[in-house]
Amino acid sequence: MRQLLIVSPNFPPVSAPDMHRVRMSLPYYACCGWSPTVLAVGGVEGRVLEPALADMVPPDVSVTRVGALPLRLTRLAGVGNPALRAFGHLYHAGLRLIRTRAIDLVFFSTTMFPALALGRLWKARTGVPFVVDMQDPWVNDYLDTHPEARPKKYAWARRLHGRLEPFTMRAAGGVIAVSPAYHATLRRRYPWIDEDVCATIPFGAAEEDMERARRLDWSNPWFASGDGRIHAVYVGRGGRDLDTAATIVFRALGRLRQAGAAREVRVWCIGTDYAPAGEGRRTLRPIAEREGVGHLVTESPDRIPYLPALRVLHDADLLVVLGSGDREYSPSKVYPYLLARRPLASVLHEGSPAVRLLREAGAGPVVTFRDAGDADAASQALASALRELLARPRGDVVFDPAFAEPWLAPALTRQQCAVFDAVLERHGRGA
């Protein structure tokens, strides 16, 4: 059995989107010949907890948790990222694990990008290769040309990441990414990364997670299913890069309202800001107000734990997918949305990798745009499709199980392990 060290600073009971690939894959690595050990950051300062997630980690998986510098001190320097606060602790713990457990390969699966630089440092000391998982762009070209979408501290983070990415990628053994566009960008910057050790693997979903959510002893605080209204739900982040998609949705809702077809529709935008509870900003509701449908839209910016988020999807009558103006962005939420088996209304950039998948699913209208100039025509197309969709009897969306199999956890874990195997072969460390 080959030994795999997985670096995932966020790990249950912390509830964070970037650790779900690892969590869903843990039960299946052994079937592919890999024995996983997880290295995570302990402590919970500033992070959302969900104890139920810890119960979903296989009991035989070894998890090492390290400390971090106190948040109250690092905030004085403007640093809150757990990977930066724990960088030294992660380095020493990882080096010890590599040596004592005879680790064959290190896998970084996180959006806390500074942690990825540990791969090159460990490789220099031990010779052990590493694979990085690009769930988001590390250095984001879209934000360079769209200042309105930049988060706080963008300039400082851009300088840091602009140095760390080339430092790390010069030694990377392989790359997994959720979008083929991420691979194209990285290989353009770093042409020595061979295509044979690159794989596009979506985040996917797990049937077991959705089943747990359905059985969850939890009450939806926003709406009651079956109350006679049509509850349309978006669960996910907000942000200025979603402005065009949100404008299209809310303008379409306005068109339906004018035609008398949206009297009973309510739209719920949930968990739209990463800020601590009570400090989140509403970025979608203001767009609804501008389009004249603010009274039909409720935005709750506080983050919602994973299983309750899945439960809200299950409770909804209609699900809304908002896509970024960044054509490379691949919304990972589409897979649990599909597993909820509710009708979908999707608004995406025409270059998004999710467009083809959602059209093949046949779960509802998929409207695309190139830029903000397409908003009016796209909203008209969406309103027409929604008018037809809302007139149908309500019920679950049914699709062929063979359609779902490639993006469920077992298949996606096999794809990861194929990359691991190829990297070991390339480094002369194969079985």
Protein backbone atom coordinates (compact mmCIF):
# COMPACT_ATOMS: atom_id res chain seq x y z
CA MET A 1 0.00 0.00 0.00
CA ARG A 2 1.45 3.36 -1.01
CA GLN A 3 1.52 6.07 1.63
CA LEU A 4 -0.24 9.38 0.88
CA LEU A 5 0.11 12.53 2.96
CA ILE A 6 -2.82 14.88 2.37
CA VAL A 7 -2.40 18.51 3.42
CA SER A 8 -5.82 20.03 4.10
CA PRO A 9 -5.56 22.87 6.65
CA ASN A 10 -9.36 22.95 6.89
CA PHE A 11 -10.67 19.59 8.07
CA PRO A 12 -13.71 18.40 10.05
CA PRO A 13 -15.16 19.52 12.37
CA VAL A 14 -14.29 22.73 10.50
CA SER A 15 -16.88 23.30 7.78
CA ALA A 16 -15.20 24.82 4.72
CA PRO A 17 -15.76 24.17 1.00
CA ASP A 18 -12.13 23.39 0.19
CA MET A 19 -11.87 20.24 2.29
CA HIS A 20 -14.79 18.31 0.80
CA ARG A 21 -12.80 16.68 -2.01
CA VAL A 22 -10.57 15.04 0.58
CA ARG A 23 -13.40 14.20 2.98
CA MET A 24 -15.49 12.54 0.26
CA SER A 25 -12.49 10.60 -1.09
CA LEU A 26 -11.13 9.21 2.18
CA PRO A 27 -13.27 6.02 2.16
CA TYR A 28 -12.02 5.10 -1.34
CA TYR A 29 -8.25 5.73 -1.41
CA ALA A 30 -7.44 2.29 -0.01
CA CYS A 31 -9.38 0.62 -2.84
CA CYS A 32 -6.94 2.32 -5.22
CA GLY A 33 -3.84 1.21 -3.31
CA TRP A 34 -3.23 4.35 -1.26
CA SER A 35 -3.21 4.69 2.53
CA PRO A 36 -4.00 8.32 3.49
CA THR A 37 -2.72 10.40 6.39
CA VAL A 38 -4.19 13.89 6.81
CA LEU A 39 -2.29 16.95 8.04
CA ALA A 40 -4.61 19.76 9.19
CA VAL A 41 -4.63 22.89 11.31
CA GLY A 42 -6.23 22.43 14.72
CA GLY A 43 -8.02 25.14 16.65
CA VAL A 44 -11.19 26.79 15.50
CA GLU A 45 -10.61 30.54 15.69
CA GLY A 46 -12.55 32.31 12.98
CA ARG A 47 -13.81 29.10 11.35
CA VAL A 48 -17.31 27.58 11.12
CA LEU A 49 -17.72 24.30 13.01
CA GLU A 50 -19.93 21.38 12.04
CA PRO A 51 -19.37 18.43 14.42
CA ALA A 52 -21.44 16.07 12.23
CA LEU A 53 -18.74 16.23 9.56
CA ALA A 54 -16.21 14.65 11.93
CA ASP A 55 -18.47 11.60 12.17
CA MET A 56 -18.19 11.20 8.38
CA VAL A 57 -14.40 10.72 8.46
CA PRO A 58 -13.46 7.00 8.42
CA PRO A 59 -12.21 6.04 11.91
CA ASP A 60 -9.12 4.29 10.56
CA VAL A 61 -7.76 7.45 8.87
CA SER A 62 -4.90 9.06 10.80
CA VAL A 63 -5.28 12.82 11.23
CA THR A 64 -2.47 15.03 12.60
CA ARG A 65 -3.51 18.51 13.69
CA VAL A 66 -1.05 21.31 14.35
CA GLY A 67 -1.31 24.58 16.20
CA ALA A 68 -1.25 28.09 14.77
CA LEU A 69 -0.28 31.56 15.92
CA PRO A 70 -3.19 33.19 17.81
CA LEU A 71 -5.58 35.09 15.59
CA ARG A 72 -5.73 38.00 18.02
CA LEU A 73 -2.02 38.60 17.40
CA THR A 74 -1.80 37.92 13.67
CA ARG A 75 -4.77 40.18 12.96
CA LEU A 76 -2.60 43.08 14.11
CA ALA A 77 -0.50 42.41 11.01
CA GLY A 78 -3.58 41.86 8.85
CA VAL A 79 -3.12 38.06 8.67
CA GLY A 80 -6.03 35.71 9.31
CA ASN A 81 -5.28 32.81 6.93
CA PRO A 82 -4.86 29.64 9.05
CA ALA A 83 -2.23 28.24 6.66
CA LEU A 84 -0.04 31.32 7.10
CA ARG A 85 -0.57 31.33 10.85
CA ALA A 86 0.36 27.64 11.02
CA PHE A 87 3.04 27.55 8.31
CA GLY A 88 5.95 26.68 10.62
CA HIS A 89 3.92 24.09 12.50
CA LEU A 90 2.79 22.46 9.24
CA TYR A 91 6.35 22.38 7.94
CA HIS A 92 7.81 20.54 10.93
CA ALA A 93 4.86 18.16 11.37
CA GLY A 94 4.80 17.31 7.67
CA LEU A 95 8.54 16.67 7.54
CA ARG A 96 8.23 14.34 10.51
CA LEU A 97 5.32 12.43 8.94
CA ILE A 98 7.11 12.07 5.60
CA ARG A 99 10.09 10.51 7.32
CA THR A 100 8.40 8.36 9.95
CA ARG A 101 5.60 7.02 7.73
CA ALA A 102 7.69 6.56 4.58
CA ILE A 103 5.34 8.81 2.62
CA ASP A 104 5.41 8.17 -1.14
CA LEU A 105 3.58 11.31 -2.26
CA VAL A 106 2.12 14.52 -0.82
CA PHE A 107 -1.25 15.84 -2.01
CA PHE A 108 -2.26 19.46 -1.32
CA SER A 109 -6.03 19.95 -1.51
CA THR A 110 -6.86 23.44 -0.24
CA THR A 111 -7.57 26.99 -1.32
CA MET A 112 -5.16 28.22 1.37
CA PHE A 113 -2.50 28.58 -1.28
CA PRO A 114 0.49 29.55 0.89
CA ALA A 115 0.48 25.98 2.27
CA LEU A 116 1.32 24.63 -1.21
CA ALA A 117 4.82 26.10 -0.97
CA LEU A 118 5.55 23.43 1.66
CA GLY A 119 5.64 20.89 -1.17
CA ARG A 120 8.80 22.34 -2.64
CA LEU A 121 10.42 22.73 0.78
CA TRP A 122 9.69 19.11 1.72
CA LYS A 123 10.77 17.81 -1.66
CA ALA A 124 14.13 19.58 -1.29
CA ARG A 125 14.67 17.79 2.03
CA THR A 126 13.22 14.36 1.25
CA GLY A 127 12.83 13.94 -2.52
CA VAL A 128 9.13 13.09 -2.09
CA PRO A 129 7.03 14.44 -5.02
CA PHE A 130 3.84 16.40 -4.55
CA VAL A 131 0.57 17.06 -6.41
CA VAL A 132 -1.47 20.25 -6.11
CA ASP A 133 -5.24 20.53 -6.36
CA MET A 134 -6.30 23.81 -7.99
CA GLN A 135 -9.86 24.31 -6.80
CA ASP A 136 -9.59 28.02 -7.64
CA PRO A 137 -6.97 29.99 -9.58
CA TRP A 138 -3.97 30.76 -7.37
CA VAL A 139 -2.97 33.91 -9.27
CA ASN A 140 -6.22 35.13 -10.80
CA ASP A 141 -5.90 36.93 -14.13
CA TYR A 142 -9.61 37.82 -14.06
CA LEU A 143 -9.17 39.96 -10.95
CA ASP A 144 -6.22 41.76 -12.54
CA THR A 145 -8.55 43.17 -15.20
CA HIS A 146 -11.72 43.54 -13.08
CA PRO A 147 -10.89 45.78 -10.11
CA GLU A 148 -14.54 45.95 -9.06
CA ALA A 149 -14.46 42.23 -8.18
CA ARG A 150 -11.29 42.33 -6.10
CA PRO A 151 -11.55 41.35 -2.43
CA LYS A 152 -10.01 43.31 0.39
CA LYS A 153 -6.20 43.09 0.67
CA TYR A 154 -6.04 42.08 -2.98
CA ALA A 155 -2.83 44.00 -3.73
CA TRP A 156 -0.96 42.44 -0.80
CA ALA A 157 -2.25 38.95 -1.59
CA ARG A 158 -1.43 39.37 -5.30
CA ARG A 159 2.20 40.15 -4.49
CA LEU A 160 2.48 37.19 -2.11
CA HIS A 161 0.84 34.71 -4.46
CA GLY A 162 2.73 36.09 -7.44
CA ARG A 163 5.94 34.95 -5.74
CA LEU A 164 4.73 31.72 -4.16
CA GLU A 165 3.04 30.24 -7.24
CA PRO A 166 6.17 30.10 -9.47
CA PHE A 167 8.29 29.03 -6.49
CA THR A 168 5.95 26.09 -5.87
CA MET A 169 5.03 25.10 -9.41
CA ARG A 170 8.67 24.80 -10.45
CA ALA A 171 8.83 21.63 -8.35
CA ALA A 172 5.25 20.31 -8.63
CA GLY A 173 4.99 16.70 -9.77
CA GLY A 174 1.40 16.91 -10.98
CA VAL A 175 -1.69 19.11 -11.04
CA ILE A 176 -5.36 18.35 -10.48
CA ALA A 177 -7.79 21.16 -11.31
CA VAL A 178 -11.55 21.60 -11.42
CA SER A 179 -11.41 23.44 -14.75
CA PRO A 180 -9.42 22.69 -17.92
CA ALA A 181 -8.84 26.44 -18.23
CA TYR A 182 -6.80 26.37 -15.00
CA HIS A 183 -4.51 23.78 -16.60
CA ALA A 184 -4.14 25.86 -19.75
CA THR A 185 -3.16 28.92 -17.70
CA LEU A 186 -0.67 27.02 -15.54
CA ARG A 187 0.96 25.20 -18.44
CA ARG A 188 1.28 28.49 -20.31
CA ARG A 189 3.13 29.92 -17.31
CA TYR A 190 5.04 26.74 -16.48
CA PRO A 191 5.50 24.70 -19.67
CA TRP A 192 7.62 22.07 -17.93
CA ILE A 193 4.47 20.67 -16.27
CA ASP A 194 3.71 17.72 -18.54
CA GLU A 195 0.16 17.12 -19.70
CA ASP A 196 0.47 13.47 -18.66
CA VAL A 197 0.45 14.43 -14.99
CA CYS A 198 -2.41 16.93 -15.26
CA ALA A 199 -6.06 15.96 -14.83
CA THR A 200 -9.31 17.90 -14.77
CA ILE A 201 -11.34 16.44 -11.92
CA PRO A 202 -14.49 18.24 -10.71
CA PHE A 203 -15.31 18.54 -7.05
CA GLY A 204 -18.21 16.16 -7.49
CA ALA A 205 -20.62 15.00 -4.82
CA ALA A 206 -21.50 12.07 -2.59
CA GLU A 207 -24.88 10.36 -2.46
CA GLU A 208 -24.21 9.56 1.22
CA ASP A 209 -23.98 13.28 2.03
CA MET A 210 -27.35 14.05 0.48
CA GLU A 211 -28.94 11.12 2.29
CA ARG A 212 -27.56 12.37 5.63
CA ALA A 213 -28.93 15.83 4.88
CA ARG A 214 -32.41 14.46 4.17
CA ARG A 215 -32.40 12.71 7.56
CA LEU A 216 -30.92 15.69 9.42
CA ASP A 217 -32.71 16.71 12.63
CA TRP A 218 -32.78 20.38 11.64
CA SER A 219 -35.50 22.92 10.86
CA ASN A 220 -35.21 25.21 7.87
CA PRO A 221 -35.41 28.76 9.35
CA TRP A 222 -36.16 30.49 6.03
CA PHE A 223 -39.18 28.83 4.48
CA ALA A 224 -41.58 25.91 4.83
CA SER A 225 -41.80 23.41 2.01
CA GLY A 226 -45.29 22.89 0.65
CA ASP A 227 -46.67 26.23 1.86
CA GLY A 228 -48.09 27.04 -1.57
CA ARG A 229 -45.25 29.27 -2.69
CA ILE A 230 -42.44 28.45 -5.09
CA HIS A 231 -39.16 28.72 -3.16
CA ALA A 232 -36.15 29.28 -5.40
CA VAL A 233 -32.82 28.85 -3.60
CA TYR A 234 -29.24 29.87 -4.22
CA VAL A 235 -26.71 28.63 -1.65
CA GLY A 236 -23.19 29.92 -2.18
CA ARG A 237 -20.94 32.93 -2.13
CA GLY A 238 -21.81 36.34 -3.46
CA GLY A 239 -19.33 38.82 -4.92
CA ARG A 240 -19.06 41.35 -7.71
CA ASP A 241 -18.05 38.73 -10.28
CA LEU A 242 -21.60 37.33 -9.98
CA ASP A 243 -23.23 40.68 -10.82
CA THR A 244 -24.10 39.81 -14.42
CA ALA A 245 -25.60 36.42 -13.57
CA ALA A 246 -27.59 37.91 -10.67
CA THR A 247 -28.83 40.75 -12.87
CA ILE A 248 -30.08 38.23 -15.44
CA VAL A 249 -31.94 36.20 -12.81
CA PHE A 250 -33.57 39.16 -11.08
CA ARG A 251 -34.45 40.90 -14.36
CA ALA A 252 -36.08 37.67 -15.52
CA LEU A 253 -38.01 37.56 -12.25
CA GLY A 254 -39.15 41.13 -12.92
CA ARG A 255 -40.38 40.14 -16.37
CA LEU A 256 -42.32 37.23 -14.88
CA ARG A 257 -43.82 39.52 -12.25
CA GLN A 258 -44.98 41.98 -14.91
CA ALA A 259 -46.62 39.08 -16.76
CA GLY A 260 -48.33 37.93 -13.55
CA ALA A 261 -46.39 34.65 -13.46
CA ALA A 262 -44.22 35.26 -10.37
CA ARG A 263 -46.75 36.21 -7.67
CA GLU A 264 -45.88 33.24 -5.48
CA VAL A 265 -42.15 33.01 -6.22
CA ARG A 266 -39.67 33.79 -3.45
CA VAL A 267 -35.89 33.74 -3.97
CA TRP A 268 -33.55 32.87 -1.09
CA CYS A 269 -29.81 33.66 -1.36
CA ILE A 270 -28.10 31.93 1.55
CA GLY A 271 -24.52 31.95 2.85
CA THR A 272 -23.27 34.63 0.47
CA ASP A 273 -20.37 36.05 2.53
CA TYR A 274 -17.33 34.45 4.18
CA ALA A 275 -17.28 37.06 6.96
CA PRO A 276 -17.95 35.99 10.57
CA ALA A 277 -21.59 35.63 11.56
CA GLY A 278 -23.34 38.97 11.76
CA GLU A 279 -20.64 40.79 9.77
CA GLY A 280 -21.53 39.65 6.25
CA ARG A 281 -22.39 42.05 3.43
CA ARG A 282 -25.38 41.62 1.13
CA THR A 283 -24.15 41.71 -2.45
CA LEU A 284 -27.11 40.11 -4.27
CA ARG A 285 -30.16 41.74 -2.67
CA PRO A 286 -29.08 45.24 -3.83
CA ILE A 287 -29.16 43.95 -7.43
CA ALA A 288 -32.68 42.58 -6.86
CA GLU A 289 -33.76 45.98 -5.51
CA ARG A 290 -32.29 47.71 -8.54
CA GLU A 291 -34.31 45.38 -10.77
CA GLY A 292 -37.49 46.09 -8.84
CA VAL A 293 -37.90 42.66 -7.21
CA GLY A 294 -36.24 43.26 -3.84
CA HIS A 295 -39.48 42.35 -2.05
CA LEU A 296 -39.29 38.86 -3.57
CA VAL A 297 -35.66 38.23 -2.61
CA THR A 298 -34.14 37.50 0.79
CA GLU A 299 -30.36 37.41 1.21
CA SER A 300 -28.86 35.82 4.33
CA PRO A 301 -25.09 36.41 4.09
CA ASP A 302 -24.05 34.32 7.12
CA ARG A 303 -22.31 31.09 6.12
CA ILE A 304 -24.38 27.95 6.60
CA PRO A 305 -22.88 24.56 7.53
CA TYR A 306 -22.57 21.91 4.84
CA LEU A 307 -25.34 19.45 5.77
CA PRO A 308 -27.95 22.15 6.47
CA ALA A 309 -26.97 23.68 3.10
CA LEU A 310 -27.73 20.38 1.38
CA ARG A 311 -31.01 20.15 3.31
CA VAL A 312 -32.07 23.60 2.06
CA LEU A 313 -31.40 22.43 -1.50
CA HIS A 314 -33.61 19.42 -0.83
CA ASP A 315 -36.37 21.61 0.62
CA ALA A 316 -36.43 23.99 -2.36
CA ASP A 317 -38.84 23.93 -5.28
CA LEU A 318 -36.29 25.43 -7.69
CA LEU A 319 -32.51 25.85 -7.48
CA VAL A 320 -30.59 28.77 -8.96
CA VAL A 321 -26.99 28.50 -10.16
CA LEU A 322 -25.17 31.82 -10.49
CA GLY A 323 -21.98 31.74 -12.54
CA SER A 324 -19.00 34.08 -12.38
CA GLY A 325 -18.06 36.55 -15.08
CA ASP A 326 -14.71 34.74 -15.10
CA ARG A 327 -15.01 32.22 -17.93
CA GLU A 328 -12.53 29.89 -16.21
CA TYR A 329 -14.63 29.58 -13.06
CA SER A 330 -16.22 26.18 -12.48
CA PRO A 331 -18.96 26.32 -9.80
CA SER A 332 -18.48 23.21 -7.66
CA LYS A 333 -21.99 23.62 -6.27
CA VAL A 334 -23.58 22.20 -9.43
CA TYR A 335 -22.95 18.60 -8.36
CA PRO A 336 -24.79 18.68 -5.00
CA TYR A 337 -27.44 20.78 -6.74
CA LEU A 338 -27.96 17.94 -9.21
CA LEU A 339 -28.08 15.34 -6.43
CA ALA A 340 -30.86 17.33 -4.75
CA ARG A 341 -32.94 16.40 -7.81
CA ARG A 342 -34.74 19.72 -8.00
CA PRO A 343 -35.30 21.74 -11.18
CA LEU A 344 -32.36 24.06 -11.92
CA ALA A 345 -32.21 27.52 -13.45
CA SER A 346 -28.57 28.12 -14.37
CA VAL A 347 -26.95 31.36 -15.54
CA LEU A 348 -23.31 30.94 -16.52
CA HIS A 349 -20.57 32.47 -18.62
CA GLU A 350 -20.64 30.78 -22.01
CA GLY A 351 -17.09 29.48 -21.42
CA SER A 352 -17.82 27.84 -18.08
CA PRO A 353 -17.03 24.10 -17.97
CA ALA A 354 -20.37 23.56 -16.19
CA VAL A 355 -22.50 24.60 -19.19
CA ARG A 356 -22.19 21.30 -21.03
CA LEU A 357 -22.81 19.22 -17.88
CA LEU A 358 -25.96 21.11 -16.95
CA ARG A 359 -27.35 20.93 -20.45
CA GLU A 360 -26.73 17.19 -20.55
CA ALA A 361 -28.48 16.84 -17.18
CA GLY A 362 -31.66 18.34 -18.61
CA ALA A 363 -32.71 19.58 -15.18
CA GLY A 364 -33.80 23.02 -16.34
CA PRO A 365 -32.87 26.06 -18.44
CA VAL A 366 -29.20 26.95 -18.91
CA VAL A 367 -28.74 30.56 -20.03
CA THR A 368 -25.30 31.88 -20.93
CA PHE A 369 -23.68 35.30 -21.31
CA ARG A 370 -20.37 36.77 -22.46
CA ASP A 371 -20.47 40.05 -20.55
CA ALA A 372 -22.86 42.52 -18.94
CA GLY A 373 -24.07 43.63 -22.34
CA ASP A 374 -25.87 40.29 -22.75
CA ALA A 375 -27.98 40.73 -19.59
CA ASP A 376 -31.18 41.97 -21.21
CA ALA A 377 -31.41 39.32 -23.93
CA ALA A 378 -30.39 36.58 -21.49
CA SER A 379 -33.01 37.66 -18.95
CA GLN A 380 -35.69 37.51 -21.64
CA ALA A 381 -34.62 33.97 -22.57
CA LEU A 382 -34.58 32.93 -18.91
CA ALA A 383 -38.00 34.45 -18.21
CA SER A 384 -39.49 32.53 -21.12
CA ALA A 385 -37.92 29.25 -19.94
CA LEU A 386 -38.98 29.81 -16.34
CA ARG A 387 -42.56 30.59 -17.34
CA GLU A 388 -42.72 27.16 -18.95
CA LEU A 389 -40.90 25.45 -16.08
CA LEU A 390 -43.12 26.95 -13.38
CA ALA A 391 -46.23 25.80 -15.22
CA ARG A 392 -45.22 22.15 -14.93
CA PRO A 393 -46.31 19.90 -12.05
CA ARG A 394 -43.77 19.90 -9.25
CA GLY A 395 -41.63 16.84 -8.74
CA ASP A 396 -38.13 15.43 -8.57
CA VAL A 397 -35.78 15.61 -11.51
CA VAL A 398 -34.89 12.11 -12.66
CA PHE A 399 -31.75 11.29 -14.64
CA ASP A 400 -29.97 8.09 -15.62
CA PRO A 401 -27.66 6.83 -12.82
CA ALA A 402 -24.97 6.34 -15.48
CA PHE A 403 -25.00 10.12 -15.98
CA ALA A 404 -24.06 10.73 -12.32
CA GLU A 405 -21.46 7.98 -11.90
CA PRO A 406 -18.47 9.92 -13.36
CA TRP A 407 -18.85 12.78 -10.87
CA LEU A 408 -19.58 10.80 -7.71
CA ALA A 409 -16.87 10.31 -5.07
CA PRO A 410 -15.70 6.75 -5.95
CA ALA A 411 -15.01 7.58 -9.61
CA LEU A 412 -13.35 10.90 -8.80
CA THR A 413 -11.09 9.26 -6.23
CA ARG A 414 -9.94 6.75 -8.85
CA GLN A 415 -9.04 9.65 -11.12
CA GLN A 416 -6.99 11.30 -8.39
CA CYS A 417 -5.10 8.09 -7.71
CA ALA A 418 -4.34 7.67 -11.42
CA VAL A 419 -2.53 11.02 -11.25
CA PHE A 420 -0.68 9.94 -8.09
CA ASP A 421 0.42 6.72 -9.80
CA ALA A 422 1.62 8.59 -12.89
CA VAL A 423 3.65 11.02 -10.79
CA LEU A 424 5.37 8.18 -8.94
CA GLU A 425 6.19 6.45 -12.20
CA ARG A 426 7.67 9.66 -13.56
CA HIS A 427 9.81 10.04 -10.44
CA GLY A 428 11.01 6.46 -10.56
CA ARG A 429 9.12 5.60 -7.39
CA GLY A 430 6.49 3.31 -8.90
CA ALA A 431 5.71 -0.13 -7.54
